[in-house]
């Protein structure tokens, strides 16, 4: 016989004699978990077939009587902490399972099947081109149930209870409204329970001895945790004043603002949540977990910038000019208090606005003798410059007319101006009626706009939904009503007060006697569309101008109900509102 044949025969004999015994970690003595190593006849240098499943671990799950177990959960688990589940399968009618291409990993195989129990193999490692075959025999493990309570012995709902001391992952349990929890199968290797709940210190309860027919009962007592301190740092690592939000959109949501030195405190109820810092001029921090006893540090990130130019209708530069943020829709979180307008003086009409939180912006520009004008929506990204923005400020239109009293007599000395043309930059167009009651206002924005007329002894009159083309003149006569002890202002609208919230523009107050209330609108409804136009990117002034209008005309409005998430659309007939 040749030396090569002797070598191959000897290798096959050694492989056939190789048997691994995997120790099962269960309380009662059971037959060992058998592991057999099967090697392919091909040499390791041969090409690997496409259907080759090696390294592979496969086997069968049996109950204590040696019967195949169908539907057992079989997990491939890391051999050392922190324990992770790599794969999960369910045994078939023959109790069989298989994990293909598993290595070379050091793992354990864990099988459980309710009341039949649980079993864990010893540490396994399938080498290249090998298949390990194992038999897992289930053994009943004792159940553990208990209650989570606070220091006053009140039940704590929603606590997460997990098992310590076992080299596999047992799914955590959650305490119910009565503070109760239960594990159906807990191996002897489990040493303790760990309970975690928001607002409380983490608690550990030792597990005592158990028997097969006795359910262990454990009581876990939680004590209130201390508030969590933290610091907000800007993009350069300096302390920053910012808004801090924890447990966002959850019942335990907490909001606070850091001090000038960046410090803040979150209540203990925020423990277990994520927290984030937001700033009007910087990008939000990454979300960070609020951990008991650990100081929370939130790092804001660099904001973005907008570059552009302000020009007239012929493309000529305008300087000096004023810019303001008309509206801002953040990429995440809630809008901030409005940043004050800024003045620019550049012969080219150029501007650059740095340190802007990511989101969508609408800018308003104003120059001497011209009405404020809006930009298109501008998207700003973290750490980036959005350039090429162009804002055209036209000469505006002219509004002229006569102010009369109820007897059609001209009213002299009435103040006339445009109302709410912008949320950030007021119109400078203003005047008074002459001895014949006539007025003229130049620099009218494109609209819709509201003309406000005021004279002592009369109700202030708001004439809404006025539109004037640039360079054009529109005549608008106004009749004032003498004060009679009632309301001091008269306008056409739906009779609802608007409010700016983090979610958008909402109805802050709705009178049941006005058109909005009679139509079924409610306080808290968020305005989504007006006459089919989305309010996204609109400022308070924009929404206000579109809801106002001539009494007797209709406006379509779509709102979102915050309590139910229902979207409601309706047509409302404007009326004369006196207040």
Protein backbone atom coordinates (compact mmCIF):
# COMPACT_ATOMS: atom_id res chain seq x y z
CA UNK A 1 0.00 0.00 0.00
CA UNK A 2 1.32 3.46 -0.95
CA UNK A 3 2.21 6.04 1.69
CA UNK A 4 -0.52 8.47 0.36
CA UNK A 5 -3.22 5.80 0.76
CA UNK A 6 -2.05 5.04 4.27
CA UNK A 7 -2.22 8.76 5.12
CA UNK A 8 -5.78 9.19 3.78
CA UNK A 9 -6.99 6.02 5.55
CA UNK A 10 -5.48 7.21 8.84
CA UNK A 11 -7.11 10.65 8.51
CA UNK A 12 -10.52 9.14 7.87
CA UNK A 13 -10.11 6.85 10.88
CA UNK A 14 -9.29 9.81 13.14
CA UNK A 15 -12.33 11.79 11.89
CA UNK A 16 -14.67 8.84 12.40
CA UNK A 17 -13.51 8.53 16.01
CA UNK A 18 -13.96 12.25 16.81
CA UNK A 19 -17.00 12.76 19.07
CA UNK A 20 -17.76 15.99 20.99
CA UNK A 21 -20.03 16.02 23.97
CA UNK A 22 -21.88 19.32 24.54
CA UNK A 23 -22.84 19.87 28.15
CA UNK A 24 -26.49 20.95 28.66
CA UNK A 25 -27.07 23.68 31.28
CA UNK A 26 -30.25 22.46 33.01
CA UNK A 27 -31.08 21.75 36.60
CA UNK A 28 -31.89 18.03 36.51
CA UNK A 29 -29.30 15.52 35.20
CA UNK A 30 -30.08 14.56 31.58
CA UNK A 31 -28.36 12.53 28.88
CA UNK A 32 -25.55 14.60 27.37
CA UNK A 33 -25.93 16.62 24.20
CA UNK A 34 -24.19 14.55 21.51
CA UNK A 35 -22.09 16.29 18.91
CA UNK A 36 -20.72 14.47 15.86
CA UNK A 37 -18.21 15.94 13.43
CA UNK A 38 -18.80 14.97 9.81
CA UNK A 39 -16.06 15.81 7.29
CA UNK A 40 -16.59 15.82 3.52
CA UNK A 41 -14.57 13.45 1.39
CA UNK A 42 -13.27 16.35 -0.69
CA UNK A 43 -9.99 17.92 0.32
CA UNK A 44 -9.96 21.42 1.80
CA UNK A 45 -8.25 22.77 -1.32
CA UNK A 46 -11.07 21.69 -3.61
CA UNK A 47 -13.50 24.37 -4.94
CA UNK A 48 -16.52 24.98 -2.70
CA UNK A 49 -19.83 24.02 -4.38
CA UNK A 50 -22.49 26.71 -4.54
CA UNK A 51 -24.78 24.58 -2.36
CA UNK A 52 -22.12 23.82 0.25
CA UNK A 53 -23.64 24.64 3.70
CA UNK A 54 -20.47 24.18 5.73
CA UNK A 55 -19.46 25.16 8.32
CA UNK A 56 -22.84 23.86 9.54
CA UNK A 57 -24.46 23.01 12.86
CA UNK A 58 -27.54 20.82 12.67
CA UNK A 59 -29.38 18.40 14.84
CA UNK A 60 -32.63 17.43 16.57
CA UNK A 61 -34.61 18.61 19.58
CA UNK A 62 -36.12 15.90 21.83
CA UNK A 63 -38.29 16.09 24.91
CA UNK A 64 -37.41 14.38 28.20
CA UNK A 65 -38.98 11.12 26.94
CA UNK A 66 -36.90 11.12 23.76
CA UNK A 67 -39.69 12.24 21.41
CA UNK A 68 -39.04 14.68 18.59
CA UNK A 69 -40.23 18.21 19.40
CA UNK A 70 -41.99 20.07 16.62
CA UNK A 71 -42.02 23.89 16.82
CA UNK A 72 -39.21 24.36 19.33
CA UNK A 73 -37.43 27.73 19.06
CA UNK A 74 -33.76 27.10 18.31
CA UNK A 75 -31.30 29.98 18.54
CA UNK A 76 -27.64 30.30 17.60
CA UNK A 77 -26.18 32.43 20.39
CA UNK A 78 -22.76 34.01 20.89
CA UNK A 79 -20.58 32.07 23.32
CA UNK A 80 -19.45 35.07 25.38
CA UNK A 81 -21.05 38.27 26.62
CA UNK A 82 -22.53 40.52 25.46
CA UNK A 83 -24.81 37.72 24.27
CA UNK A 84 -26.31 38.08 20.82
CA UNK A 85 -28.64 35.88 18.78
CA UNK A 86 -27.06 35.24 15.38
CA UNK A 87 -29.80 33.04 13.92
CA UNK A 88 -33.19 31.69 14.95
CA UNK A 89 -35.13 28.73 13.55
CA UNK A 90 -38.04 26.48 14.46
CA UNK A 91 -37.65 22.71 14.62
CA UNK A 92 -39.73 20.70 12.13
CA UNK A 93 -41.97 17.68 12.71
CA UNK A 94 -38.90 15.49 13.11
CA UNK A 95 -37.42 17.92 15.62
CA UNK A 96 -34.73 18.82 13.11
CA UNK A 97 -33.01 22.17 12.64
CA UNK A 98 -29.99 23.45 10.74
CA UNK A 99 -27.73 26.52 10.75
CA UNK A 100 -25.65 26.82 7.58
CA UNK A 101 -22.36 28.69 7.09
CA UNK A 102 -21.87 29.50 10.75
CA UNK A 103 -18.28 30.13 11.09
CA UNK A 104 -15.87 29.70 12.19
CA UNK A 105 -17.84 31.12 15.19
CA UNK A 106 -17.75 30.12 18.84
CA UNK A 107 -21.42 29.68 19.67
CA UNK A 108 -23.99 27.85 21.77
CA UNK A 109 -27.27 26.44 20.50
CA UNK A 110 -30.29 27.12 22.72
CA UNK A 111 -33.64 25.35 22.31
CA UNK A 112 -36.83 26.00 24.24
CA UNK A 113 -40.42 24.86 23.91
CA UNK A 114 -42.68 26.24 26.59
CA UNK A 115 -43.48 23.73 29.32
CA UNK A 116 -41.14 21.15 27.76
CA UNK A 117 -38.27 23.27 29.03
CA UNK A 118 -35.04 24.63 27.72
CA UNK A 119 -31.59 23.30 26.90
CA UNK A 120 -28.26 24.86 25.95
CA UNK A 121 -25.33 23.17 24.26
CA UNK A 122 -21.72 23.53 25.27
CA UNK A 123 -19.55 25.96 23.28
CA UNK A 124 -19.34 24.79 19.66
CA UNK A 125 -17.11 25.81 16.79
CA UNK A 126 -17.49 24.28 13.38
CA UNK A 127 -14.27 24.43 11.41
CA UNK A 128 -14.09 25.07 7.70
CA UNK A 129 -15.81 22.38 5.58
CA UNK A 130 -17.26 20.69 8.69
CA UNK A 131 -20.78 19.82 9.86
CA UNK A 132 -21.52 19.41 13.57
CA UNK A 133 -24.53 17.24 14.40
CA UNK A 134 -26.03 17.63 17.88
CA UNK A 135 -28.98 16.30 19.85
CA UNK A 136 -30.67 18.64 22.33
CA UNK A 137 -32.85 17.13 25.06
CA UNK A 138 -35.24 19.59 26.71
CA UNK A 139 -35.56 19.70 30.46
CA UNK A 140 -38.31 21.52 32.30
CA UNK A 141 -37.12 24.76 33.91
CA UNK A 142 -38.96 26.50 36.68
CA UNK A 143 -41.23 29.48 36.13
CA UNK A 144 -40.66 32.80 37.85
CA UNK A 145 -43.31 35.42 38.43
CA UNK A 146 -43.37 38.55 40.48
CA UNK A 147 -44.41 42.13 41.03
CA UNK A 148 -42.58 45.42 40.58
CA UNK A 149 -43.49 48.06 43.18
CA UNK A 150 -42.20 51.45 44.27
CA UNK A 151 -40.98 52.48 47.72
CA UNK A 152 -44.61 53.12 48.80
CA UNK A 153 -45.57 49.61 47.67
CA UNK A 154 -47.53 50.91 44.67
CA UNK A 155 -47.36 48.78 41.51
CA UNK A 156 -45.08 50.05 38.74
CA UNK A 157 -46.40 49.44 35.25
CA UNK A 158 -44.15 49.31 32.19
CA UNK A 159 -41.00 48.18 34.01
CA UNK A 160 -38.66 46.05 31.91
CA UNK A 161 -37.61 42.90 33.78
CA UNK A 162 -34.73 40.82 32.42
CA UNK A 163 -32.78 37.73 33.46
CA UNK A 164 -29.12 37.79 34.53
CA UNK A 165 -26.66 34.96 34.83
CA UNK A 166 -27.49 32.81 31.78
CA UNK A 167 -25.35 32.60 28.65
CA UNK A 168 -28.31 32.97 26.28
CA UNK A 169 -30.95 35.57 25.68
CA UNK A 170 -34.24 35.12 27.51
CA UNK A 171 -36.75 37.71 26.25
CA UNK A 172 -37.42 40.43 28.80
CA UNK A 173 -40.85 40.81 30.37
CA UNK A 174 -42.82 44.00 30.98
CA UNK A 175 -44.82 44.61 34.12
CA UNK A 176 -48.55 45.20 33.61
CA UNK A 177 -50.87 47.72 35.26
CA UNK A 178 -50.71 45.71 38.49
CA UNK A 179 -46.89 45.61 38.33
CA UNK A 180 -46.98 41.86 37.56
CA UNK A 181 -44.63 39.91 35.27
CA UNK A 182 -43.91 36.21 34.56
CA UNK A 183 -41.21 34.07 32.95
CA UNK A 184 -42.42 30.61 32.00
CA UNK A 185 -38.99 29.00 31.82
CA UNK A 186 -35.94 30.18 33.75
CA UNK A 187 -32.86 27.89 33.90
CA UNK A 188 -31.00 27.28 37.14
CA UNK A 189 -28.04 29.29 35.88
CA UNK A 190 -30.13 32.45 36.20
CA UNK A 191 -28.87 34.31 39.28
CA UNK A 192 -31.05 37.40 39.47
CA UNK A 193 -33.69 39.63 37.92
CA UNK A 194 -33.00 43.21 36.84
CA UNK A 195 -35.85 45.73 36.70
CA UNK A 196 -35.60 49.05 34.86
CA UNK A 197 -38.31 51.71 34.77
CA UNK A 198 -38.33 55.36 33.87
CA UNK A 199 -37.88 57.59 36.86
CA UNK A 200 -36.42 54.84 39.06
CA UNK A 201 -33.03 53.45 39.92
CA UNK A 202 -32.22 50.09 38.37
CA UNK A 203 -33.06 47.32 40.88
CA UNK A 204 -31.75 43.76 41.17
CA UNK A 205 -33.51 40.87 42.90
CA UNK A 206 -31.70 37.60 43.65
CA UNK A 207 -33.29 34.33 42.60
CA UNK A 208 -33.44 31.59 45.22
CA UNK A 209 -33.56 27.82 44.83
CA UNK A 210 -36.32 26.38 42.63
CA UNK A 211 -37.91 22.99 42.11
CA UNK A 212 -39.58 21.59 39.02
CA UNK A 213 -43.11 21.90 40.39
CA UNK A 214 -42.78 25.19 42.24
CA UNK A 215 -43.14 28.63 40.70
CA UNK A 216 -40.75 31.10 42.25
CA UNK A 217 -42.34 34.39 43.34
CA UNK A 218 -40.15 37.52 43.43
CA UNK A 219 -40.94 41.07 44.56
CA UNK A 220 -38.80 43.85 43.09
CA UNK A 221 -38.82 47.24 44.81
CA UNK A 222 -37.80 50.33 42.86
CA UNK A 223 -36.66 53.58 44.44
CA UNK A 224 -37.00 56.97 42.77
CA UNK A 225 -33.94 58.10 40.84
CA UNK A 226 -32.38 61.52 41.04
CA UNK A 227 -32.72 64.12 38.30
CA UNK A 228 -30.21 63.75 35.45
CA UNK A 229 -27.80 66.64 34.91
CA UNK A 230 -26.37 67.53 31.54
CA UNK A 231 -24.54 70.06 29.39
CA UNK A 232 -25.15 71.39 25.89
CA UNK A 233 -22.10 72.28 23.78
CA UNK A 234 -22.12 74.11 20.45
CA UNK A 235 -20.38 72.98 17.27
CA UNK A 236 -17.08 74.38 18.59
CA UNK A 237 -17.35 72.74 22.00
CA UNK A 238 -18.45 75.85 23.90
CA UNK A 239 -21.37 75.84 26.37
CA UNK A 240 -24.61 76.81 24.64
CA UNK A 241 -28.10 77.88 25.57
CA UNK A 242 -30.45 75.51 23.75
CA UNK A 243 -33.73 73.70 24.03
CA UNK A 244 -33.49 70.11 25.33
CA UNK A 245 -36.21 67.55 24.59
CA UNK A 246 -36.39 64.07 26.14
CA UNK A 247 -38.92 61.25 25.58
CA UNK A 248 -40.28 63.17 22.59
CA UNK A 249 -43.91 62.40 21.67
CA UNK A 250 -44.24 60.09 24.68
CA UNK A 251 -46.36 60.54 27.82
CA UNK A 252 -43.22 61.29 29.83
CA UNK A 253 -41.97 63.93 27.38
CA UNK A 254 -39.83 66.55 29.09
CA UNK A 255 -38.66 69.91 27.74
CA UNK A 256 -36.24 72.36 29.25
CA UNK A 257 -33.73 75.02 28.23
CA UNK A 258 -30.07 74.94 29.13
CA UNK A 259 -28.58 77.93 30.96
CA UNK A 260 -25.98 80.25 29.45
CA UNK A 261 -23.28 77.91 30.76
CA UNK A 262 -24.92 75.01 28.91
CA UNK A 263 -26.13 73.19 32.03
CA UNK A 264 -29.60 71.68 32.42
CA UNK A 265 -31.50 69.07 34.41
CA UNK A 266 -34.00 66.47 33.25
CA UNK A 267 -36.48 64.82 35.62
CA UNK A 268 -35.95 61.21 36.61
CA UNK A 269 -38.91 60.26 34.40
CA UNK A 270 -36.64 60.85 31.38
CA UNK A 271 -34.29 57.98 32.36
CA UNK A 272 -34.41 55.34 29.66
CA UNK A 273 -35.42 57.84 26.96
CA UNK A 274 -33.35 59.60 24.34
CA UNK A 275 -32.69 63.34 24.61
CA UNK A 276 -31.77 65.85 21.93
CA UNK A 277 -30.69 69.50 21.94
CA UNK A 278 -32.07 72.00 19.43
CA UNK A 279 -30.85 75.50 18.61
CA UNK A 280 -32.12 78.27 16.32
CA UNK A 281 -28.71 78.73 14.68
CA UNK A 282 -27.24 75.22 14.73
CA UNK A 283 -28.15 71.71 13.71
CA UNK A 284 -29.63 69.48 16.44
CA UNK A 285 -27.42 67.18 18.44
CA UNK A 286 -27.54 63.44 17.94
CA UNK A 287 -30.05 61.69 20.19
CA UNK A 288 -28.37 60.43 23.37
CA UNK A 289 -29.77 58.03 26.00
CA UNK A 290 -30.65 59.45 29.41
CA UNK A 291 -28.86 57.14 31.85
CA UNK A 292 -29.27 57.06 35.60
CA UNK A 293 -26.27 58.55 37.41
CA UNK A 294 -24.49 59.58 34.20
CA UNK A 295 -24.03 63.16 33.06
CA UNK A 296 -25.62 63.79 29.68
CA UNK A 297 -23.59 65.78 27.14
CA UNK A 298 -25.36 66.94 23.97
CA UNK A 299 -23.21 68.30 21.12
CA UNK A 300 -24.93 70.64 18.68
CA UNK A 301 -23.73 70.50 15.08
CA UNK A 302 -22.87 73.21 12.58
CA UNK A 303 -25.82 74.94 10.94
CA UNK A 304 -26.18 75.97 7.32
CA UNK A 305 -26.04 79.21 5.35
CA UNK A 306 -28.01 81.07 2.66
CA UNK A 307 -26.29 83.20 0.01
CA UNK A 308 -28.07 85.35 -2.54
CA UNK A 309 -28.98 88.81 -3.79
CA UNK A 310 -31.84 91.29 -3.48
CA UNK A 311 -32.69 93.00 -6.78
CA UNK A 312 -35.41 95.19 -8.31
CA UNK A 313 -37.81 94.05 -11.04
CA UNK A 314 -35.21 94.90 -13.71
CA UNK A 315 -32.45 92.89 -12.06
CA UNK A 316 -30.66 95.90 -10.60
CA UNK A 317 -29.13 95.59 -7.17
CA UNK A 318 -30.83 97.17 -4.17
CA UNK A 319 -28.88 98.50 -1.21
CA UNK A 320 -29.27 98.88 1.67
CA UNK A 321 -32.00 96.39 2.45
CA UNK A 322 -33.45 94.40 5.34
CA UNK A 323 -33.93 90.62 5.48
CA UNK A 324 -36.13 88.67 7.86
CA UNK A 325 -37.13 85.04 8.27
CA UNK A 326 -40.80 85.04 7.27
CA UNK A 327 -41.32 81.35 8.00
CA UNK A 328 -39.23 78.36 9.01
CA UNK A 329 -40.09 74.66 8.91
CA UNK A 330 -37.40 72.71 10.80
CA UNK A 331 -36.00 69.43 9.53
CA UNK A 332 -36.87 68.03 12.94
CA UNK A 333 -38.39 69.36 16.11
CA UNK A 334 -40.33 72.55 16.70
CA UNK A 335 -39.82 76.05 15.35
CA UNK A 336 -37.99 78.59 17.49
CA UNK A 337 -38.84 82.15 18.38
CA UNK A 338 -38.36 84.33 15.34
CA UNK A 339 -34.81 85.61 14.73
CA UNK A 340 -34.73 89.43 14.42
CA UNK A 341 -34.39 90.88 10.88
CA UNK A 342 -30.91 91.83 9.70
CA UNK A 343 -29.71 94.81 7.70
CA UNK A 344 -27.32 94.46 4.73
CA UNK A 345 -25.49 97.13 2.78
CA UNK A 346 -23.74 95.74 -0.28
CA UNK A 347 -23.52 97.59 -3.60
CA UNK A 348 -24.21 94.31 -5.40
CA UNK A 349 -27.29 93.62 -3.27
CA UNK A 350 -25.56 90.47 -2.03
CA UNK A 351 -26.11 88.82 1.32
CA UNK A 352 -25.03 85.77 3.28
CA UNK A 353 -26.91 84.56 6.36
CA UNK A 354 -24.91 82.06 8.41
CA UNK A 355 -25.72 79.88 11.41
CA UNK A 356 -29.15 78.65 10.39
CA UNK A 357 -30.76 75.51 11.76
CA UNK A 358 -31.52 72.94 9.03
CA UNK A 359 -34.98 73.24 7.48
CA UNK A 360 -36.99 75.18 4.93
CA UNK A 361 -36.94 78.99 5.01
CA UNK A 362 -38.91 81.77 3.39
CA UNK A 363 -37.11 85.12 3.58
CA UNK A 364 -38.70 88.56 3.34
CA UNK A 365 -36.70 91.48 1.92
CA UNK A 366 -37.54 95.18 2.11
CA UNK A 367 -35.83 98.26 0.67
CA UNK A 368 -36.62 101.97 0.98
CA UNK A 369 -39.75 103.01 -0.92
CA UNK A 370 -40.65 99.43 -1.81
CA UNK A 371 -42.99 96.89 -0.23
CA UNK A 372 -41.65 93.74 1.43
CA UNK A 373 -41.18 90.78 -0.95
CA UNK A 374 -40.83 87.04 -0.30
CA UNK A 375 -38.34 84.48 -1.50
CA UNK A 376 -39.28 81.03 -2.68
CA UNK A 377 -38.86 78.22 -0.15
CA UNK A 378 -35.14 77.70 0.58
CA UNK A 379 -33.83 74.38 1.91
CA UNK A 380 -30.90 74.61 4.32
CA UNK A 381 -28.78 71.58 5.23
CA UNK A 382 -26.36 71.01 8.08
CA UNK A 383 -22.92 72.47 7.41
CA UNK A 384 -23.81 73.46 3.82
CA UNK A 385 -24.35 76.73 1.92
CA UNK A 386 -27.49 77.17 -0.19
CA UNK A 387 -26.54 79.76 -2.81
CA UNK A 388 -28.10 81.39 -5.84
CA UNK A 389 -31.12 82.75 -3.92
CA UNK A 390 -32.66 85.75 -5.67
CA UNK A 391 -35.34 87.96 -4.10
CA UNK A 392 -37.07 90.47 -6.39
CA UNK A 393 -38.41 93.56 -4.61
CA UNK A 394 -40.74 95.39 -6.99
CA UNK A 395 -41.95 98.98 -6.76
CA UNK A 396 -45.39 97.76 -5.69
CA UNK A 397 -48.85 99.02 -6.52
CA UNK A 398 -50.92 101.99 -5.41
CA UNK A 399 -54.11 101.92 -3.40
CA UNK A 400 -56.29 105.04 -3.42
CA UNK A 401 -59.81 105.96 -2.41
CA UNK A 402 -62.08 107.91 -0.11
CA UNK A 403 -63.05 107.22 3.51
CA UNK A 404 -66.70 108.01 4.35
CA UNK A 405 -68.87 107.84 7.43
CA UNK A 406 -72.28 106.09 7.52
CA UNK A 407 -73.94 109.22 6.04
CA UNK A 408 -71.47 109.15 3.14
CA UNK A 409 -69.72 112.26 4.41
CA UNK A 410 -65.93 112.27 3.86
CA UNK A 411 -63.80 111.58 6.94
CA UNK A 412 -60.67 113.71 7.19
CA UNK A 413 -57.60 112.81 9.25
CA UNK A 414 -58.16 109.03 9.22
CA UNK A 415 -54.98 106.96 9.51
CA UNK A 416 -54.55 104.52 6.61
CA UNK A 417 -51.95 101.77 6.36
CA UNK A 418 -51.39 98.17 5.32
CA UNK A 419 -51.92 95.57 8.06
CA UNK A 420 -49.88 92.37 8.53
CA UNK A 421 -48.07 92.35 5.16
CA UNK A 422 -45.31 90.32 6.85
CA UNK A 423 -44.69 88.55 10.10
CA UNK A 424 -41.24 90.10 10.45
CA UNK A 425 -41.01 93.37 8.48
CA UNK A 426 -43.74 95.99 8.70
CA UNK A 427 -44.79 98.00 5.68
CA UNK A 428 -43.70 101.64 5.87
CA UNK A 429 -46.53 102.74 3.61
CA UNK A 430 -48.85 104.89 5.72
CA UNK A 431 -50.85 108.10 5.31
CA UNK A 432 -53.91 110.14 6.30
CA UNK A 433 -57.04 111.20 4.49
CA UNK A 434 -57.18 114.81 3.41
CA UNK A 435 -60.03 117.29 3.93
CA UNK A 436 -62.05 115.52 1.22
CA UNK A 437 -61.50 112.09 2.84
CA UNK A 438 -59.15 110.94 0.10
CA UNK A 439 -56.00 108.85 0.64
CA UNK A 440 -53.20 107.36 -1.44
CA UNK A 441 -50.80 104.59 -0.42
CA UNK A 442 -47.87 103.66 -2.62
CA UNK A 443 -45.77 100.54 -2.19
CA UNK A 444 -48.63 98.05 -1.90
CA UNK A 445 -47.41 94.44 -1.92
CA UNK A 446 -48.84 91.99 -4.43
CA UNK A 447 -51.29 90.66 -1.84
CA UNK A 448 -53.56 89.46 -0.63
CA UNK A 449 -53.32 92.35 1.80
CA UNK A 450 -55.46 94.13 4.36
CA UNK A 451 -56.08 97.87 4.40
CA UNK A 452 -56.47 99.23 7.94
CA UNK A 453 -58.34 102.51 8.49
CA UNK A 454 -58.53 104.12 11.94
CA UNK A 455 -60.18 107.28 13.17
CA UNK A 456 -61.04 108.18 16.74
CA UNK A 457 -64.79 107.87 17.36
CA UNK A 458 -65.17 105.14 14.72
CA UNK A 459 -64.61 101.39 14.61
CA UNK A 460 -61.27 100.51 13.09
CA UNK A 461 -62.06 99.03 9.69
CA UNK A 462 -60.03 96.21 8.10
CA UNK A 463 -60.64 95.68 4.38
CA UNK A 464 -59.14 92.31 3.50
CA UNK A 465 -58.19 90.20 0.49
CA UNK A 466 -57.09 93.25 -1.53
CA UNK A 467 -54.75 92.60 -4.46
CA UNK A 468 -52.81 95.23 -6.42
CA UNK A 469 -50.40 94.49 -9.28
CA UNK A 470 -47.00 96.16 -9.20
CA UNK A 471 -47.16 99.48 -11.01
CA UNK A 472 -50.97 99.44 -11.04
CA UNK A 473 -53.48 101.56 -9.08
CA UNK A 474 -56.61 100.22 -7.42
CA UNK A 475 -59.40 102.27 -5.91
CA UNK A 476 -60.81 101.14 -2.57
CA UNK A 477 -63.40 103.31 -0.81
CA UNK A 478 -64.05 102.61 2.88
CA UNK A 479 -67.05 103.34 5.10
CA UNK A 480 -66.46 103.74 8.84
CA UNK A 481 -69.10 103.01 11.49
CA UNK A 482 -69.32 105.24 14.57
CA UNK A 483 -68.56 103.62 17.93
CA UNK A 484 -71.71 102.68 19.80
CA UNK A 485 -70.24 101.13 22.93
CA UNK A 486 -69.68 97.76 21.23
CA UNK A 487 -66.55 96.36 19.63
CA UNK A 488 -63.87 98.70 18.40
CA UNK A 489 -62.80 96.77 15.28
CA UNK A 490 -64.68 95.49 12.25
CA UNK A 491 -63.42 93.04 9.64
CA UNK A 492 -64.56 90.28 7.30
CA UNK A 493 -63.42 86.82 8.31
CA UNK A 494 -64.33 83.50 9.91
CA UNK A 495 -64.01 84.55 13.56
CA UNK A 496 -61.07 82.46 14.74
CA UNK A 497 -57.88 83.48 16.53
CA UNK A 498 -54.66 81.95 15.15
CA UNK A 499 -51.75 80.61 17.18
CA UNK A 500 -48.22 79.65 16.11
CA UNK A 501 -47.22 76.29 17.61
CA UNK A 502 -44.41 73.83 17.03
CA UNK A 503 -46.74 71.68 14.94
CA UNK A 504 -47.75 74.61 12.70
CA UNK A 505 -50.41 77.30 12.65
CA UNK A 506 -53.43 76.29 14.66
CA UNK A 507 -56.73 77.77 15.76
CA UNK A 508 -56.15 79.20 19.21
CA UNK A 509 -59.68 80.34 19.99
CA UNK A 510 -62.96 79.70 18.17
CA UNK A 511 -66.16 81.47 19.14
CA UNK A 512 -69.28 79.29 18.74
CA UNK A 513 -71.23 82.36 17.51
CA UNK A 514 -68.89 83.08 14.59
CA UNK A 515 -68.67 81.29 11.20
CA UNK A 516 -65.72 79.09 12.25
CA UNK A 517 -67.52 77.82 15.36
CA UNK A 518 -70.82 77.26 13.55
CA UNK A 519 -68.97 75.26 10.87
CA UNK A 520 -67.51 72.93 13.51
CA UNK A 521 -63.93 74.15 13.75
CA UNK A 522 -62.32 73.73 17.17
CA UNK A 523 -59.50 75.28 19.15
CA UNK A 524 -56.34 73.25 18.50
CA UNK A 525 -57.21 72.35 14.89
CA UNK A 526 -54.09 72.69 12.75
CA UNK A 527 -54.60 74.55 9.48
CA UNK A 528 -53.36 72.43 6.55
CA UNK A 529 -54.82 74.12 3.45
CA UNK A 530 -56.69 77.29 2.52
CA UNK A 531 -58.55 77.29 -0.80
CA UNK A 532 -56.52 74.24 -1.83
CA UNK A 533 -53.14 75.87 -1.08
CA UNK A 534 -50.92 74.18 1.48
CA UNK A 535 -50.01 76.26 4.52
CA UNK A 536 -46.60 74.60 4.69
CA UNK A 537 -44.07 77.43 4.59
CA UNK A 538 -46.73 80.09 5.21
CA UNK A 539 -46.25 82.57 7.99
CA UNK A 540 -48.93 83.67 10.42
CA UNK A 541 -49.48 86.79 8.26
CA UNK A 542 -49.97 84.63 5.14
CA UNK A 543 -52.63 82.46 6.77
CA UNK A 544 -54.34 85.47 8.33
CA UNK A 545 -54.62 87.30 5.01
CA UNK A 546 -56.12 84.26 3.28
CA UNK A 547 -58.74 83.63 5.95
CA UNK A 548 -59.87 87.26 5.94
CA UNK A 549 -62.08 88.53 3.14
CA UNK A 550 -65.27 90.24 2.07
CA UNK A 551 -68.30 89.21 4.17
CA UNK A 552 -70.50 86.80 2.25
CA UNK A 553 -67.59 85.19 0.34
CA UNK A 554 -66.50 81.62 1.00
CA UNK A 555 -63.16 80.13 1.96
CA UNK A 556 -62.26 76.42 1.86
CA UNK A 557 -60.22 75.30 4.83
CA UNK A 558 -58.68 71.91 5.66
CA UNK A 559 -57.62 71.18 9.25
CA UNK A 560 -56.09 68.31 11.19
CA UNK A 561 -57.66 67.27 14.50
CA UNK A 562 -54.74 66.68 16.93
CA UNK A 563 -56.66 64.35 19.24
CA UNK A 564 -57.93 61.93 16.58
CA UNK A 565 -55.65 62.60 13.61
CA UNK A 566 -58.79 63.18 11.53
CA UNK A 567 -58.53 65.52 8.55
CA UNK A 568 -61.58 67.76 8.09
CA UNK A 569 -62.33 69.97 5.10
CA UNK A 570 -65.16 72.51 4.88
CA UNK A 571 -66.32 75.70 3.19
CA UNK A 572 -66.95 78.63 5.52
CA UNK A 573 -68.86 81.77 4.56
CA UNK A 574 -67.09 84.84 5.89
CA UNK A 575 -69.09 87.30 7.96
CA UNK A 576 -68.61 90.73 9.50
CA UNK A 577 -66.73 90.19 12.74
CA UNK A 578 -66.93 92.95 15.35
CA UNK A 579 -64.69 92.76 18.38
